[in-house]
Structure formats: C-alpha cells, structure tokens
Amino acid sequence: MPRSTLTRQGRIDFRADHPPMLFVAGDRDHLTPAGMVGRNARGYARSGSAVEFKLFTDRSHFICNQDGWESVAAFVLDWVAALTGQA
C-alpha cells in the first residue's frame, strides 16, 4: 500500500529517538525552501539527539550537483568526522 505525506501516515514524531541528522539547504532552492528545511531541523532538535542545519549560499535544489559541490561535501564529511570523534 502506498504511503502518503498528506495523511496520518506522513505524521512525524519529532520527539522520537533518531540518529544524528544533518539538514543542508541552499538559499536559492525553490523546490525545498531553506525555511522549510530549517523548520524540520528545529522540530527534530526537540528530541535531544544531535541535529544541525546548514544553509549554503548561492545554491539551488541541486546543491551537490553545482560547481563548488566539493565545499558542501567537505562540510558534510567534517560534520560526520566531528560527530564520530574522527576530527
């Protein structure tokens, strides 16, 4: 049976335990606007688990497919390394 984000199936329990989460957004993303990504990050932050939101300037929805994608990848890698004690 397909699931829908528009019904109770799509309800998110922001207080439930979850793994560490890094939310990335581009300030020029019109498909998934940075404000919406930030609200989701703030919602998950209420659980007490590791949550971070990172806004990249001059980036669209294709954040990792644009020139300079290496800086986004480096940020994510550094975030994971710091979280796992590998930094």
PDB file of N, CA and C in Angstrom:
ATOM      1  N   MET A   1       0.838  -1.172   0.000  1.00  0.00           N
ATOM      2  CA  MET A   1       0.000   0.000   0.000  1.00  0.00           C
ATOM      3  C   MET A   1       0.890   1.245   0.000  1.00  0.00           C
ATOM      4  N   PRO A   2       0.658   2.183  -0.891  1.00  0.00           N
ATOM      5  CA  PRO A   2       1.467   3.402  -0.914  1.00  0.00           C
ATOM      6  C   PRO A   2       1.243   4.244   0.335  1.00  0.00           C
ATOM      7  N   ARG A   3       2.279   4.941   0.720  1.00  0.00           N
ATOM      8  CA  ARG A   3       2.178   5.851   1.858  1.00  0.00           C
ATOM      9  C   ARG A   3       1.999   7.261   1.338  1.00  0.00           C
ATOM     10  N   SER A   4       1.388   8.105   2.138  1.00  0.00           N
ATOM     11  CA  SER A   4       1.146   9.474   1.722  1.00  0.00           C
ATOM     12  C   SER A   4       1.647  10.439   2.785  1.00  0.00           C
ATOM     13  N   THR A   5       2.249  11.519   2.342  1.00  0.00           N
ATOM     14  CA  THR A   5       2.677  12.556   3.283  1.00  0.00           C
ATOM     15  C   THR A   5       1.525  13.473   3.651  1.00  0.00           C
ATOM     16  N   LEU A   6       0.394  13.314   2.997  1.00  0.00           N
ATOM     17  CA  LEU A   6      -0.747  14.195   3.223  1.00  0.00           C
ATOM     18  C   LEU A   6      -1.769  13.620   4.201  1.00  0.00           C
ATOM     19  N   THR A   7      -1.525  12.409   4.702  1.00  0.00           N
ATOM     20  CA  THR A   7      -2.444  11.784   5.653  1.00  0.00           C
ATOM     21  C   THR A   7      -1.712  11.523   6.967  1.00  0.00           C
ATOM     22  N   ARG A   8      -2.369  10.830   7.873  1.00  0.00           N
ATOM     23  CA  ARG A   8      -1.743  10.495   9.168  1.00  0.00           C
ATOM     24  C   ARG A   8      -0.466   9.683   8.983  1.00  0.00           C
ATOM     25  N   GLN A   9      -0.346   8.958   7.875  1.00  0.00           N
ATOM     26  CA  GLN A   9       0.867   8.182   7.605  1.00  0.00           C
ATOM     27  C   GLN A   9       2.093   9.076   7.535  1.00  0.00           C
ATOM     28  N   GLY A  10       1.909  10.308   7.129  1.00  0.00           N
ATOM     29  CA  GLY A  10       3.021  11.236   6.975  1.00  0.00           C
ATOM     30  C   GLY A  10       3.378  11.985   8.244  1.00  0.00           C
ATOM     31  N   ARG A  11       2.642  11.759   9.317  1.00  0.00           N
ATOM     32  CA  ARG A  11       2.909  12.450  10.580  1.00  0.00           C
ATOM     33  C   ARG A  11       4.274  12.042  11.126  1.00  0.00           C
ATOM     34  N   ILE A  12       5.021  13.025  11.558  1.00  0.00           N
ATOM     35  CA  ILE A  12       6.363  12.786  12.097  1.00  0.00           C
ATOM     36  C   ILE A  12       6.339  12.982  13.598  1.00  0.00           C
ATOM     37  N   ASP A  13       6.908  12.032  14.318  1.00  0.00           N
ATOM     38  CA  ASP A  13       7.060  12.169  15.764  1.00  0.00           C
ATOM     39  C   ASP A  13       8.437  12.779  16.010  1.00  0.00           C
ATOM     40  N   PHE A  14       8.475  14.105  16.097  1.00  0.00           N
ATOM     41  CA  PHE A  14       9.746  14.801  16.252  1.00  0.00           C
ATOM     42  C   PHE A  14      10.437  14.487  17.571  1.00  0.00           C
ATOM     43  N   ARG A  15       9.690  14.005  18.554  1.00  0.00           N
ATOM     44  CA  ARG A  15      10.289  13.722  19.865  1.00  0.00           C
ATOM     45  C   ARG A  15      10.883  12.309  19.962  1.00  0.00           C
ATOM     46  N   ALA A  16      10.638  11.487  18.962  1.00  0.00           N
ATOM     47  CA  ALA A  16      11.163  10.116  18.979  1.00  0.00           C
ATOM     48  C   ALA A  16      12.681  10.132  18.838  1.00  0.00           C
ATOM     49  N   ASP A  17      13.318   9.131  19.435  1.00  0.00           N
ATOM     50  CA  ASP A  17      14.761   8.991  19.281  1.00  0.00           C
ATOM     51  C   ASP A  17      15.082   8.795  17.797  1.00  0.00           C
ATOM     52  N   HIS A  18      16.198   9.336  17.376  1.00  0.00           N
ATOM     53  CA  HIS A  18      16.624   9.192  15.986  1.00  0.00           C
ATOM     54  C   HIS A  18      18.137   9.326  15.930  1.00  0.00           C
ATOM     55  N   PRO A  19      18.733   8.854  14.838  1.00  0.00           N
ATOM     56  CA  PRO A  19      20.178   9.005  14.687  1.00  0.00           C
ATOM     57  C   PRO A  19      20.525  10.480  14.469  1.00  0.00           C
ATOM     58  N   PRO A  20      21.792  10.827  14.556  1.00  0.00           N
ATOM     59  CA  PRO A  20      22.195  12.205  14.256  1.00  0.00           C
ATOM     60  C   PRO A  20      21.720  12.603  12.857  1.00  0.00           C
ATOM     61  N   MET A  21      21.302  13.866  12.737  1.00  0.00           N
ATOM     62  CA  MET A  21      20.766  14.336  11.464  1.00  0.00           C
ATOM     63  C   MET A  21      21.390  15.671  11.094  1.00  0.00           C
ATOM     64  N   LEU A  22      21.868  15.759   9.867  1.00  0.00           N
ATOM     65  CA  LEU A  22      22.381  16.999   9.311  1.00  0.00           C
ATOM     66  C   LEU A  22      21.445  17.426   8.190  1.00  0.00           C
ATOM     67  N   PHE A  23      20.853  18.593   8.323  1.00  0.00           N
ATOM     68  CA  PHE A  23      19.968  19.152   7.312  1.00  0.00           C
ATOM     69  C   PHE A  23      20.757  20.199   6.530  1.00  0.00           C
ATOM     70  N   VAL A  24      20.826  20.041   5.223  1.00  0.00           N
ATOM     71  CA  VAL A  24      21.507  21.027   4.384  1.00  0.00           C
ATOM     72  C   VAL A  24      20.492  21.649   3.446  1.00  0.00           C
ATOM     73  N   ALA A  25      20.676  22.927   3.169  1.00  0.00           N
ATOM     74  CA  ALA A  25      19.762  23.635   2.286  1.00  0.00           C
ATOM     75  C   ALA A  25      20.525  24.671   1.490  1.00  0.00           C
ATOM     76  N   GLY A  26      19.973  24.985   0.334  1.00  0.00           N
ATOM     77  CA  GLY A  26      20.501  26.063  -0.486  1.00  0.00           C
ATOM     78  C   GLY A  26      19.581  27.260  -0.393  1.00  0.00           C
ATOM     79  N   ASP A  27      20.151  28.444  -0.316  1.00  0.00           N
ATOM     80  CA  ASP A  27      19.318  29.644  -0.163  1.00  0.00           C
ATOM     81  C   ASP A  27      18.530  29.982  -1.428  1.00  0.00           C
ATOM     82  N   ARG A  28      18.831  29.312  -2.530  1.00  0.00           N
ATOM     83  CA  ARG A  28      18.107  29.554  -3.781  1.00  0.00           C
ATOM     84  C   ARG A  28      17.278  28.340  -4.206  1.00  0.00           C
ATOM     85  N   ASP A  29      16.991  27.469  -3.262  1.00  0.00           N
ATOM     86  CA  ASP A  29      16.187  26.275  -3.538  1.00  0.00           C
ATOM     87  C   ASP A  29      14.713  26.650  -3.493  1.00  0.00           C
ATOM     88  N   HIS A  30      14.035  26.532  -4.627  1.00  0.00           N
ATOM     89  CA  HIS A  30      12.611  26.863  -4.689  1.00  0.00           C
ATOM     90  C   HIS A  30      11.743  25.614  -4.604  1.00  0.00           C
ATOM     91  N   LEU A  31      12.344  24.428  -4.654  1.00  0.00           N
ATOM     92  CA  LEU A  31      11.580  23.179  -4.522  1.00  0.00           C
ATOM     93  C   LEU A  31      11.436  22.774  -3.061  1.00  0.00           C
ATOM     94  N   THR A  32      12.518  22.870  -2.304  1.00  0.00           N
ATOM     95  CA  THR A  32      12.506  22.595  -0.876  1.00  0.00           C
ATOM     96  C   THR A  32      13.164  23.798  -0.200  1.00  0.00           C
ATOM     97  N   PRO A  33      12.383  24.838   0.061  1.00  0.00           N
ATOM     98  CA  PRO A  33      12.948  26.088   0.567  1.00  0.00           C
ATOM     99  C   PRO A  33      13.688  25.920   1.898  1.00  0.00           C
ATOM    100  N   ALA A  34      14.717  26.736   2.052  1.00  0.00           N
ATOM    101  CA  ALA A  34      15.548  26.670   3.259  1.00  0.00           C
ATOM    102  C   ALA A  34      14.716  26.833   4.533  1.00  0.00           C
ATOM    103  N   GLY A  35      13.690  27.672   4.492  1.00  0.00           N
ATOM    104  CA  GLY A  35      12.851  27.858   5.668  1.00  0.00           C
ATOM    105  C   GLY A  35      12.174  26.568   6.105  1.00  0.00           C
ATOM    106  N   MET A  36      11.716  25.783   5.143  1.00  0.00           N
ATOM    107  CA  MET A  36      11.073  24.515   5.463  1.00  0.00           C
ATOM    108  C   MET A  36      12.090  23.520   6.025  1.00  0.00           C
ATOM    109  N   VAL A  37      13.268  23.488   5.428  1.00  0.00           N
ATOM    110  CA  VAL A  37      14.319  22.584   5.920  1.00  0.00           C
ATOM    111  C   VAL A  37      14.701  22.979   7.348  1.00  0.00           C
ATOM    112  N   GLY A  38      14.819  24.274   7.601  1.00  0.00           N
ATOM    113  CA  GLY A  38      15.141  24.754   8.947  1.00  0.00           C
ATOM    114  C   GLY A  38      14.069  24.405   9.959  1.00  0.00           C
ATOM    115  N   ARG A  39      12.794  24.514   9.579  1.00  0.00           N
ATOM    116  CA  ARG A  39      11.706  24.137  10.496  1.00  0.00           C
ATOM    117  C   ARG A  39      11.775  22.661  10.840  1.00  0.00           C
ATOM    118  N   ASN A  40      12.073  21.828   9.852  1.00  0.00           N
ATOM    119  CA  ASN A  40      12.210  20.394  10.129  1.00  0.00           C
ATOM    120  C   ASN A  40      13.368  20.137  11.080  1.00  0.00           C
ATOM    121  N   ALA A  41      14.480  20.805  10.859  1.00  0.00           N
ATOM    122  CA  ALA A  41      15.635  20.641  11.745  1.00  0.00           C
ATOM    123  C   ALA A  41      15.282  21.053  13.169  1.00  0.00           C
ATOM    124  N   ARG A  42      14.604  22.192  13.321  1.00  0.00           N
ATOM    125  CA  ARG A  42      14.201  22.637  14.669  1.00  0.00           C
ATOM    126  C   ARG A  42      13.237  21.656  15.310  1.00  0.00           C
ATOM    127  N   GLY A  43      12.364  21.071  14.526  1.00  0.00           N
ATOM    128  CA  GLY A  43      11.439  20.073  15.059  1.00  0.00           C
ATOM    129  C   GLY A  43      12.171  18.865  15.602  1.00  0.00           C
ATOM    130  N   TYR A  44      13.118  18.353  14.840  1.00  0.00           N
ATOM    131  CA  TYR A  44      13.887  17.195  15.293  1.00  0.00           C
ATOM    132  C   TYR A  44      14.802  17.534  16.453  1.00  0.00           C
ATOM    133  N   ALA A  45      15.253  18.771  16.550  1.00  0.00           N
ATOM    134  CA  ALA A  45      16.166  19.166  17.631  1.00  0.00           C
ATOM    135  C   ALA A  45      15.513  19.019  18.999  1.00  0.00           C
ATOM    136  N   ARG A  46      14.197  19.025  19.054  1.00  0.00           N
ATOM    137  CA  ARG A  46      13.488  18.878  20.333  1.00  0.00           C
ATOM    138  C   ARG A  46      13.712  17.520  20.977  1.00  0.00           C
ATOM    139  N   SER A  47      14.156  16.537  20.207  1.00  0.00           N
ATOM    140  CA  SER A  47      14.326  15.188  20.738  1.00  0.00           C
ATOM    141  C   SER A  47      15.555  15.057  21.622  1.00  0.00           C
ATOM    142  N   GLY A  48      16.475  15.996  21.521  1.00  0.00           N
ATOM    143  CA  GLY A  48      17.714  15.907  22.288  1.00  0.00           C
ATOM    144  C   GLY A  48      18.823  15.188  21.537  1.00  0.00           C
ATOM    145  N   SER A  49      18.528  14.611  20.376  1.00  0.00           N
ATOM    146  CA  SER A  49      19.546  13.962  19.567  1.00  0.00           C
ATOM    147  C   SER A  49      20.328  15.023  18.791  1.00  0.00           C
ATOM    148  N   ALA A  50      21.475  14.636  18.260  1.00  0.00           N
ATOM    149  CA  ALA A  50      22.311  15.561  17.501  1.00  0.00           C
ATOM    150  C   ALA A  50      21.608  15.965  16.207  1.00  0.00           C
ATOM    151  N   VAL A  51      21.379  17.260  16.048  1.00  0.00           N
ATOM    152  CA  VAL A  51      20.735  17.811  14.852  1.00  0.00           C
ATOM    153  C   VAL A  51      21.433  19.116  14.505  1.00  0.00           C
ATOM    154  N   GLU A  52      21.730  19.299  13.223  1.00  0.00           N
ATOM    155  CA  GLU A  52      22.316  20.556  12.783  1.00  0.00           C
ATOM    156  C   GLU A  52      21.713  20.949  11.443  1.00  0.00           C
ATOM    157  N   PHE A  53      21.566  22.246  11.249  1.00  0.00           N
ATOM    158  CA  PHE A  53      21.077  22.814  10.000  1.00  0.00           C
ATOM    159  C   PHE A  53      22.181  23.674   9.408  1.00  0.00           C
ATOM    160  N   LYS A  54      22.471  23.475   8.128  1.00  0.00           N
ATOM    161  CA  LYS A  54      23.500  24.251   7.450  1.00  0.00           C
ATOM    162  C   LYS A  54      22.911  24.831   6.165  1.00  0.00           C
ATOM    163  N   LEU A  55      22.949  26.147   6.061  1.00  0.00           N
ATOM    164  CA  LEU A  55      22.480  26.841   4.866  1.00  0.00           C
ATOM    165  C   LEU A  55      23.676  27.229   4.006  1.00  0.00           C
ATOM    166  N   PHE A  56      23.642  26.825   2.746  1.00  0.00           N
ATOM    167  CA  PHE A  56      24.689  27.175   1.797  1.00  0.00           C
ATOM    168  C   PHE A  56      24.167  28.281   0.888  1.00  0.00           C
ATOM    169  N   THR A  57      24.937  29.350   0.766  1.00  0.00           N
ATOM    170  CA  THR A  57      24.525  30.473  -0.075  1.00  0.00           C
ATOM    171  C   THR A  57      24.800  30.187  -1.545  1.00  0.00           C
ATOM    172  N   ASP A  58      24.011  30.823  -2.375  1.00  0.00           N
ATOM    173  CA  ASP A  58      24.129  30.696  -3.833  1.00  0.00           C
ATOM    174  C   ASP A  58      23.994  29.253  -4.310  1.00  0.00           C
ATOM    175  N   ARG A  59      23.140  28.496  -3.640  1.00  0.00           N
ATOM    176  CA  ARG A  59      22.911  27.091  -4.014  1.00  0.00           C
ATOM    177  C   ARG A  59      21.427  26.858  -4.237  1.00  0.00           C
ATOM    178  N   SER A  60      21.125  26.009  -5.216  1.00  0.00           N
ATOM    179  CA  SER A  60      19.742  25.666  -5.542  1.00  0.00           C
ATOM    180  C   SER A  60      19.416  24.283  -4.985  1.00  0.00           C
ATOM    181  N   HIS A  61      18.323  23.712  -5.478  1.00  0.00           N
ATOM    182  CA  HIS A  61      17.914  22.371  -5.061  1.00  0.00           C
ATOM    183  C   HIS A  61      18.971  21.332  -5.466  1.00  0.00           C
ATOM    184  N   PHE A  62      19.746  21.647  -6.471  1.00  0.00           N
ATOM    185  CA  PHE A  62      20.777  20.723  -6.958  1.00  0.00           C
ATOM    186  C   PHE A  62      22.111  21.020  -6.279  1.00  0.00           C
ATOM    187  N   ILE A  63      22.063  21.179  -4.987  1.00  0.00           N
ATOM    188  CA  ILE A  63      23.170  21.661  -4.156  1.00  0.00           C
ATOM    189  C   ILE A  63      24.469  20.873  -4.365  1.00  0.00           C
ATOM    190  N   CYS A  64      24.366  19.585  -4.559  1.00  0.00           N
ATOM    191  CA  CYS A  64      25.575  18.762  -4.720  1.00  0.00           C
ATOM    192  C   CYS A  64      25.913  18.500  -6.177  1.00  0.00           C
ATOM    193  N   ASN A  65      25.187  19.158  -7.071  1.00  0.00           N
ATOM    194  CA  ASN A  65      25.432  18.968  -8.499  1.00  0.00           C
ATOM    195  C   ASN A  65      25.848  20.280  -9.155  1.00  0.00           C
ATOM    196  N   GLN A  66      26.152  21.267  -8.334  1.00  0.00           N
ATOM    197  CA  GLN A  66      26.561  22.566  -8.849  1.00  0.00           C
ATOM    198  C   GLN A  66      28.068  22.721  -8.725  1.00  0.00           C
ATOM    199  N   ASP A  67      28.610  23.656  -9.502  1.00  0.00           N
ATOM    200  CA  ASP A  67      30.026  23.970  -9.350  1.00  0.00           C
ATOM    201  C   ASP A  67      30.300  24.276  -7.878  1.00  0.00           C
ATOM    202  N   GLY A  68      31.403  23.806  -7.393  1.00  0.00           N
ATOM    203  CA  GLY A  68      31.763  24.026  -5.998  1.00  0.00           C
ATOM    204  C   GLY A  68      31.138  23.032  -5.045  1.00  0.00           C
ATOM    205  N   TRP A  69      30.588  21.947  -5.573  1.00  0.00           N
ATOM    206  CA  TRP A  69      29.955  20.932  -4.735  1.00  0.00           C
ATOM    207  C   TRP A  69      30.928  20.382  -3.691  1.00  0.00           C
ATOM    208  N   GLU A  70      32.212  20.498  -3.987  1.00  0.00           N
ATOM    209  CA  GLU A  70      33.218  19.949  -3.070  1.00  0.00           C
ATOM    210  C   GLU A  70      33.144  20.602  -1.691  1.00  0.00           C
ATOM    211  N   SER A  71      32.783  21.885  -1.640  1.00  0.00           N
ATOM    212  CA  SER A  71      32.690  22.550  -0.331  1.00  0.00           C
ATOM    213  C   SER A  71      31.527  22.002   0.484  1.00  0.00           C
ATOM    214  N   VAL A  72      30.449  21.636  -0.183  1.00  0.00           N
ATOM    215  CA  VAL A  72      29.309  21.023   0.516  1.00  0.00           C
ATOM    216  C   VAL A  72      29.722  19.647   1.030  1.00  0.00           C
ATOM    217  N   ALA A  73      30.350  18.865   0.173  1.00  0.00           N
ATOM    218  CA  ALA A  73      30.795  17.526   0.559  1.00  0.00           C
ATOM    219  C   ALA A  73      31.802  17.596   1.706  1.00  0.00           C
ATOM    220  N   ALA A  74      32.706  18.556   1.659  1.00  0.00           N
ATOM    221  CA  ALA A  74      33.702  18.702   2.725  1.00  0.00           C
ATOM    222  C   ALA A  74      33.030  19.045   4.050  1.00  0.00           C
ATOM    223  N   PHE A  75      32.011  19.911   4.018  1.00  0.00           N
ATOM    224  CA  PHE A  75      31.296  20.251   5.247  1.00  0.00           C
ATOM    225  C   PHE A  75      30.637  19.013   5.843  1.00  0.00           C
ATOM    226  N   VAL A  76      29.969  18.233   4.991  1.00  0.00           N
ATOM    227  CA  VAL A  76      29.299  17.017   5.469  1.00  0.00           C
ATOM    228  C   VAL A  76      30.322  16.042   6.047  1.00  0.00           C
ATOM    229  N   LEU A  77      31.424  15.854   5.353  1.00  0.00           N
ATOM    230  CA  LEU A  77      32.466  14.940   5.837  1.00  0.00           C
ATOM    231  C   LEU A  77      33.027  15.414   7.172  1.00  0.00           C
ATOM    232  N   ASP A  78      33.280  16.704   7.303  1.00  0.00           N
ATOM    233  CA  ASP A  78      33.788  17.248   8.569  1.00  0.00           C
ATOM    234  C   ASP A  78      32.766  17.070   9.684  1.00  0.00           C
ATOM    235  N   TRP A  79      31.483  17.238   9.380  1.00  0.00           N
ATOM    236  CA  TRP A  79      30.414  17.070  10.372  1.00  0.00           C
ATOM    237  C   TRP A  79      30.386  15.631  10.884  1.00  0.00           C
ATOM    238  N   VAL A  80      30.456  14.684   9.963  1.00  0.00           N
ATOM    239  CA  VAL A  80      30.460  13.269  10.346  1.00  0.00           C
ATOM    240  C   VAL A  80      31.716  12.951  11.154  1.00  0.00           C
ATOM    241  N   ALA A  81      32.861  13.448  10.720  1.00  0.00           N
ATOM    242  CA  ALA A  81      34.113  13.176  11.426  1.00  0.00           C
ATOM    243  C   ALA A  81      34.068  13.731  12.847  1.00  0.00           C
ATOM    244  N   ALA A  82      33.539  14.934  13.024  1.00  0.00           N
ATOM    245  CA  ALA A  82      33.441  15.521  14.365  1.00  0.00           C
ATOM    246  C   ALA A  82      32.490  14.728  15.234  1.00  0.00           C
ATOM    247  N   LEU A  83      31.410  14.268  14.648  1.00  0.00           N
ATOM    248  CA  LEU A  83      30.406  13.520  15.394  1.00  0.00           C
ATOM    249  C   LEU A  83      30.929  12.161  15.847  1.00  0.00           C
ATOM    250  N   THR A  84      31.792  11.571  15.046  1.00  0.00           N
ATOM    251  CA  THR A  84      32.308  10.234  15.354  1.00  0.00           C
ATOM    252  C   THR A  84      33.667  10.270  16.047  1.00  0.00           C
ATOM    253  N   GLY A  85      34.159  11.480  16.327  1.00  0.00           N
ATOM    254  CA  GLY A  85      35.433  11.606  17.004  1.00  0.00           C
ATOM    255  C   GLY A  85      36.629  11.401  16.092  1.00  0.00           C
ATOM    256  N   GLN A  86      36.420  11.508  14.802  1.00  0.00           N
ATOM    257  CA  GLN A  86      37.493  11.316  13.829  1.00  0.00           C
ATOM    258  C   GLN A  86      38.145  12.605  13.394  1.00  0.00           C
ATOM    259  N   ALA A  87      37.657  13.726  13.931  1.00  0.00           N
ATOM    260  CA  ALA A  87      38.193  15.038  13.505  1.00  0.00           C
ATOM    261  C   ALA A  87      39.547  15.311  14.117  1.00  0.00           C
TER     262      ALA A  87
END
